[in-house]
């Protein structure tokens, strides 16, 4: 089962995908800039990663 959560701010977007672990897919516009697997972390950690991406922290 795959669950997705989307975060978006201006032209930066992050999508969290839950498989056996969380994966944050980071976009600039429609182009995938990075895909970050987060093994052993919580959903909240993945959400923080997504928010940091869209805010320009990472």
PDB file of N, CA and C in Angstrom:
ATOM      1  N   UNK A   1       0.845  -1.179   0.000  1.00  0.00           N
ATOM      2  CA  UNK A   1       0.000   0.000   0.000  1.00  0.00           C
ATOM      3  C   UNK A   1       0.885   1.235   0.000  1.00  0.00           C
ATOM      4  N   UNK A   2       0.559   2.182  -0.849  1.00  0.00           N
ATOM      5  CA  UNK A   2       1.326   3.412  -0.924  1.00  0.00           C
ATOM      6  C   UNK A   2       0.430   4.578  -0.559  1.00  0.00           C
ATOM      7  N   UNK A   3       0.861   5.386   0.386  1.00  0.00           N
ATOM      8  CA  UNK A   3       0.155   6.607   0.757  1.00  0.00           C
ATOM      9  C   UNK A   3       0.991   7.791   0.323  1.00  0.00           C
ATOM     10  N   UNK A   4       0.332   8.883  -0.076  1.00  0.00           N
ATOM     11  CA  UNK A   4       1.046  10.089  -0.480  1.00  0.00           C
ATOM     12  C   UNK A   4       0.506  11.287   0.269  1.00  0.00           C
ATOM     13  N   UNK A   5       1.399  12.212   0.602  1.00  0.00           N
ATOM     14  CA  UNK A   5       1.029  13.512   1.150  1.00  0.00           C
ATOM     15  C   UNK A   5       1.787  14.546   0.344  1.00  0.00           C
ATOM     16  N   UNK A   6       1.122  15.651   0.005  1.00  0.00           N
ATOM     17  CA  UNK A   6       1.761  16.662  -0.838  1.00  0.00           C
ATOM     18  C   UNK A   6       1.877  17.981  -0.093  1.00  0.00           C
ATOM     19  N   UNK A   7       2.998  18.633  -0.293  1.00  0.00           N
ATOM     20  CA  UNK A   7       3.269  19.946   0.267  1.00  0.00           C
ATOM     21  C   UNK A   7       3.682  20.840  -0.893  1.00  0.00           C
ATOM     22  N   UNK A   8       3.222  22.102  -0.919  1.00  0.00           N
ATOM     23  CA  UNK A   8       3.594  22.977  -2.028  1.00  0.00           C
ATOM     24  C   UNK A   8       3.677  24.417  -1.551  1.00  0.00           C
ATOM     25  N   UNK A   9       4.718  25.112  -2.001  1.00  0.00           N
ATOM     26  CA  UNK A   9       4.899  26.526  -1.711  1.00  0.00           C
ATOM     27  C   UNK A   9       5.626  27.126  -2.896  1.00  0.00           C
ATOM     28  N   UNK A  10       5.023  28.155  -3.495  1.00  0.00           N
ATOM     29  CA  UNK A  10       5.566  28.790  -4.690  1.00  0.00           C
ATOM     30  C   UNK A  10       5.835  27.726  -5.746  1.00  0.00           C
ATOM     31  N   UNK A  11       7.036  27.654  -6.294  1.00  0.00           N
ATOM     32  CA  UNK A  11       7.306  26.670  -7.342  1.00  0.00           C
ATOM     33  C   UNK A  11       7.988  25.418  -6.802  1.00  0.00           C
ATOM     34  N   UNK A  12       8.092  25.293  -5.462  1.00  0.00           N
ATOM     35  CA  UNK A  12       8.718  24.110  -4.865  1.00  0.00           C
ATOM     36  C   UNK A  12       7.630  23.216  -4.300  1.00  0.00           C
ATOM     37  N   UNK A  13       7.772  21.935  -4.543  1.00  0.00           N
ATOM     38  CA  UNK A  13       6.778  20.967  -4.091  1.00  0.00           C
ATOM     39  C   UNK A  13       7.503  19.750  -3.541  1.00  0.00           C
ATOM     40  N   UNK A  14       6.926  19.153  -2.506  1.00  0.00           N
ATOM     41  CA  UNK A  14       7.450  17.901  -1.959  1.00  0.00           C
ATOM     42  C   UNK A  14       6.293  16.923  -1.830  1.00  0.00           C
ATOM     43  N   UNK A  15       6.546  15.685  -2.184  1.00  0.00           N
ATOM     44  CA  UNK A  15       5.555  14.618  -2.079  1.00  0.00           C
ATOM     45  C   UNK A  15       6.151  13.534  -1.186  1.00  0.00           C
ATOM     46  N   UNK A  16       5.411  13.145  -0.153  1.00  0.00           N
ATOM     47  CA  UNK A  16       5.854  12.073   0.738  1.00  0.00           C
ATOM     48  C   UNK A  16       5.155  10.793   0.306  1.00  0.00           C
ATOM     49  N   UNK A  17       5.937   9.766   0.049  1.00  0.00           N
ATOM     50  CA  UNK A  17       5.404   8.464  -0.345  1.00  0.00           C
ATOM     51  C   UNK A  17       5.751   7.467   0.755  1.00  0.00           C
ATOM     52  N   UNK A  18       4.756   6.728   1.214  1.00  0.00           N
ATOM     53  CA  UNK A  18       4.973   5.716   2.253  1.00  0.00           C
ATOM     54  C   UNK A  18       4.909   4.339   1.612  1.00  0.00           C
ATOM     55  N   UNK A  19       6.015   3.632   1.673  1.00  0.00           N
ATOM     56  CA  UNK A  19       6.069   2.250   1.191  1.00  0.00           C
ATOM     57  C   UNK A  19       6.451   1.408   2.398  1.00  0.00           C
ATOM     58  N   UNK A  20       7.640   0.828   2.433  1.00  0.00           N
ATOM     59  CA  UNK A  20       8.133   0.178   3.645  1.00  0.00           C
ATOM     60  C   UNK A  20       8.880   1.193   4.492  1.00  0.00           C
ATOM     61  N   UNK A  21       9.128   2.355   3.921  1.00  0.00           N
ATOM     62  CA  UNK A  21       9.753   3.502   4.574  1.00  0.00           C
ATOM     63  C   UNK A  21       9.205   4.744   3.878  1.00  0.00           C
ATOM     64  N   UNK A  22       9.506   5.915   4.409  1.00  0.00           N
ATOM     65  CA  UNK A  22       9.048   7.155   3.778  1.00  0.00           C
ATOM     66  C   UNK A  22      10.063   7.613   2.745  1.00  0.00           C
ATOM     67  N   UNK A  23       9.563   8.169   1.651  1.00  0.00           N
ATOM     68  CA  UNK A  23      10.396   8.765   0.612  1.00  0.00           C
ATOM     69  C   UNK A  23       9.843  10.158   0.357  1.00  0.00           C
ATOM     70  N   UNK A  24      10.701  11.180   0.416  1.00  0.00           N
ATOM     71  CA  UNK A  24      10.287  12.538   0.095  1.00  0.00           C
ATOM     72  C   UNK A  24      10.816  12.860  -1.293  1.00  0.00           C
ATOM     73  N   UNK A  25       9.897  13.121  -2.212  1.00  0.00           N
ATOM     74  CA  UNK A  25      10.255  13.503  -3.578  1.00  0.00           C
ATOM     75  C   UNK A  25      10.157  15.016  -3.664  1.00  0.00           C
ATOM     76  N   UNK A  26      11.279  15.665  -3.993  1.00  0.00           N
ATOM     77  CA  UNK A  26      11.367  17.121  -3.976  1.00  0.00           C
ATOM     78  C   UNK A  26      11.425  17.666  -5.395  1.00  0.00           C
ATOM     79  N   UNK A  27      10.529  18.585  -5.696  1.00  0.00           N
ATOM     80  CA  UNK A  27      10.396  19.136  -7.038  1.00  0.00           C
ATOM     81  C   UNK A  27      10.635  20.637  -7.044  1.00  0.00           C
ATOM     82  N   UNK A  28      11.177  21.124  -8.157  1.00  0.00           N
ATOM     83  CA  UNK A  28      11.195  22.547  -8.483  1.00  0.00           C
ATOM     84  C   UNK A  28      10.376  22.640  -9.758  1.00  0.00           C
ATOM     85  N   UNK A  29       9.247  23.327  -9.680  1.00  0.00           N
ATOM     86  CA  UNK A  29       8.313  23.288 -10.795  1.00  0.00           C
ATOM     87  C   UNK A  29       7.823  21.858 -10.949  1.00  0.00           C
ATOM     88  N   UNK A  30       7.874  21.342 -12.157  1.00  0.00           N
ATOM     89  CA  UNK A  30       7.467  19.956 -12.404  1.00  0.00           C
ATOM     90  C   UNK A  30       8.655  19.008 -12.490  1.00  0.00           C
ATOM     91  N   UNK A  31       9.860  19.522 -12.243  1.00  0.00           N
ATOM     92  CA  UNK A  31      11.076  18.715 -12.375  1.00  0.00           C
ATOM     93  C   UNK A  31      11.507  18.145 -11.025  1.00  0.00           C
ATOM     94  N   UNK A  32      11.713  16.831 -10.985  1.00  0.00           N
ATOM     95  CA  UNK A  32      12.181  16.172  -9.767  1.00  0.00           C
ATOM     96  C   UNK A  32      13.629  16.569  -9.510  1.00  0.00           C
ATOM     97  N   UNK A  33      13.871  17.225  -8.371  1.00  0.00           N
ATOM     98  CA  UNK A  33      15.219  17.670  -8.018  1.00  0.00           C
ATOM     99  C   UNK A  33      15.939  16.632  -7.162  1.00  0.00           C
ATOM    100  N   UNK A  34      15.195  15.969  -6.281  1.00  0.00           N
ATOM    101  CA  UNK A  34      15.809  14.979  -5.389  1.00  0.00           C
ATOM    102  C   UNK A  34      14.741  14.033  -4.870  1.00  0.00           C
ATOM    103  N   UNK A  35      15.142  12.807  -4.624  1.00  0.00           N
ATOM    104  CA  UNK A  35      14.289  11.806  -3.998  1.00  0.00           C
ATOM    105  C   UNK A  35      15.047  11.306  -2.779  1.00  0.00           C
ATOM    106  N   UNK A  36      14.510  11.567  -1.587  1.00  0.00           N
ATOM    107  CA  UNK A  36      15.231  11.258  -0.353  1.00  0.00           C
ATOM    108  C   UNK A  36      14.532  10.152   0.440  1.00  0.00           C
ATOM    109  N   UNK A  37      15.100   8.943   0.485  1.00  0.00           N
ATOM    110  CA  UNK A  37      14.517   7.875   1.301  1.00  0.00           C
ATOM    111  C   UNK A  37      14.841   8.117   2.775  1.00  0.00           C
ATOM    112  N   UNK A  38      13.857   7.915   3.628  1.00  0.00           N
ATOM    113  CA  UNK A  38      14.031   8.148   5.066  1.00  0.00           C
ATOM    114  C   UNK A  38      13.750   6.841   5.808  1.00  0.00           C
ATOM    115  N   UNK A  39      14.770   6.037   5.942  1.00  0.00           N
ATOM    116  CA  UNK A  39      14.652   4.744   6.624  1.00  0.00           C
ATOM    117  C   UNK A  39      14.659   4.948   8.136  1.00  0.00           C
ATOM    118  N   UNK A  40      13.733   4.302   8.826  1.00  0.00           N
ATOM    119  CA  UNK A  40      13.715   4.325  10.284  1.00  0.00           C
ATOM    120  C   UNK A  40      13.245   5.636  10.890  1.00  0.00           C
ATOM    121  N   UNK A  41      12.564   6.461  10.108  1.00  0.00           N
ATOM    122  CA  UNK A  41      12.071   7.746  10.618  1.00  0.00           C
ATOM    123  C   UNK A  41      10.547   7.764  10.609  1.00  0.00           C
ATOM    124  N   UNK A  42       9.992   8.670  11.382  1.00  0.00           N
ATOM    125  CA  UNK A  42       8.543   8.795  11.507  1.00  0.00           C
ATOM    126  C   UNK A  42       7.954   9.627  10.366  1.00  0.00           C
ATOM    127  N   UNK A  43       6.616   9.586  10.281  1.00  0.00           N
ATOM    128  CA  UNK A  43       5.919  10.415   9.294  1.00  0.00           C
ATOM    129  C   UNK A  43       6.175  11.889   9.582  1.00  0.00           C
ATOM    130  N   UNK A  44       6.218  12.266  10.857  1.00  0.00           N
ATOM    131  CA  UNK A  44       6.469  13.666  11.226  1.00  0.00           C
ATOM    132  C   UNK A  44       7.842  14.111  10.725  1.00  0.00           C
ATOM    133  N   UNK A  45       8.834  13.255  10.800  1.00  0.00           N
ATOM    134  CA  UNK A  45      10.177  13.560  10.287  1.00  0.00           C
ATOM    135  C   UNK A  45      10.106  13.807   8.782  1.00  0.00           C
ATOM    136  N   UNK A  46       9.350  12.963   8.069  1.00  0.00           N
ATOM    137  CA  UNK A  46       9.184  13.138   6.622  1.00  0.00           C
ATOM    138  C   UNK A  46       8.470  14.452   6.316  1.00  0.00           C
ATOM    139  N   UNK A  47       7.463  14.794   7.115  1.00  0.00           N
ATOM    140  CA  UNK A  47       6.751  16.066   6.924  1.00  0.00           C
ATOM    141  C   UNK A  47       7.684  17.246   7.161  1.00  0.00           C
ATOM    142  N   UNK A  48       8.532  17.158   8.189  1.00  0.00           N
ATOM    143  CA  UNK A  48       9.510  18.223   8.445  1.00  0.00           C
ATOM    144  C   UNK A  48      10.470  18.367   7.272  1.00  0.00           C
ATOM    145  N   UNK A  49      10.908  17.253   6.711  1.00  0.00           N
ATOM    146  CA  UNK A  49      11.796  17.272   5.552  1.00  0.00           C
ATOM    147  C   UNK A  49      11.108  17.974   4.381  1.00  0.00           C
ATOM    148  N   UNK A  50       9.843  17.628   4.130  1.00  0.00           N
ATOM    149  CA  UNK A  50       9.079  18.244   3.042  1.00  0.00           C
ATOM    150  C   UNK A  50       8.921  19.747   3.264  1.00  0.00           C
ATOM    151  N   UNK A  51       8.603  20.146   4.492  1.00  0.00           N
ATOM    152  CA  UNK A  51       8.446  21.567   4.803  1.00  0.00           C
ATOM    153  C   UNK A  51       9.768  22.309   4.660  1.00  0.00           C
ATOM    154  N   UNK A  52      10.862  21.689   5.060  1.00  0.00           N
ATOM    155  CA  UNK A  52      12.179  22.311   4.904  1.00  0.00           C
ATOM    156  C   UNK A  52      12.521  22.500   3.434  1.00  0.00           C
ATOM    157  N   UNK A  53      12.137  21.558   2.594  1.00  0.00           N
ATOM    158  CA  UNK A  53      12.386  21.689   1.153  1.00  0.00           C
ATOM    159  C   UNK A  53      11.623  22.880   0.582  1.00  0.00           C
ATOM    160  N   UNK A  54      10.330  22.931   0.862  1.00  0.00           N
ATOM    161  CA  UNK A  54       9.532  23.989   0.261  1.00  0.00           C
ATOM    162  C   UNK A  54       9.880  25.366   0.817  1.00  0.00           C
ATOM    163  N   UNK A  55      10.427  25.425   2.016  1.00  0.00           N
ATOM    164  CA  UNK A  55      10.836  26.707   2.606  1.00  0.00           C
ATOM    165  C   UNK A  55      12.228  27.134   2.173  1.00  0.00           C
ATOM    166  N   UNK A  56      12.949  26.250   1.477  1.00  0.00           N
ATOM    167  CA  UNK A  56      14.285  26.588   1.005  1.00  0.00           C
ATOM    168  C   UNK A  56      15.393  26.284   1.992  1.00  0.00           C
ATOM    169  N   UNK A  57      15.074  25.606   3.100  1.00  0.00           N
ATOM    170  CA  UNK A  57      16.097  25.244   4.081  1.00  0.00           C
ATOM    171  C   UNK A  57      17.047  24.209   3.485  1.00  0.00           C
ATOM    172  N   UNK A  58      16.487  23.279   2.712  1.00  0.00           N
ATOM    173  CA  UNK A  58      17.309  22.280   1.997  1.00  0.00           C
ATOM    174  C   UNK A  58      17.030  22.382   0.511  1.00  0.00           C
TER     175      UNK A  58
END
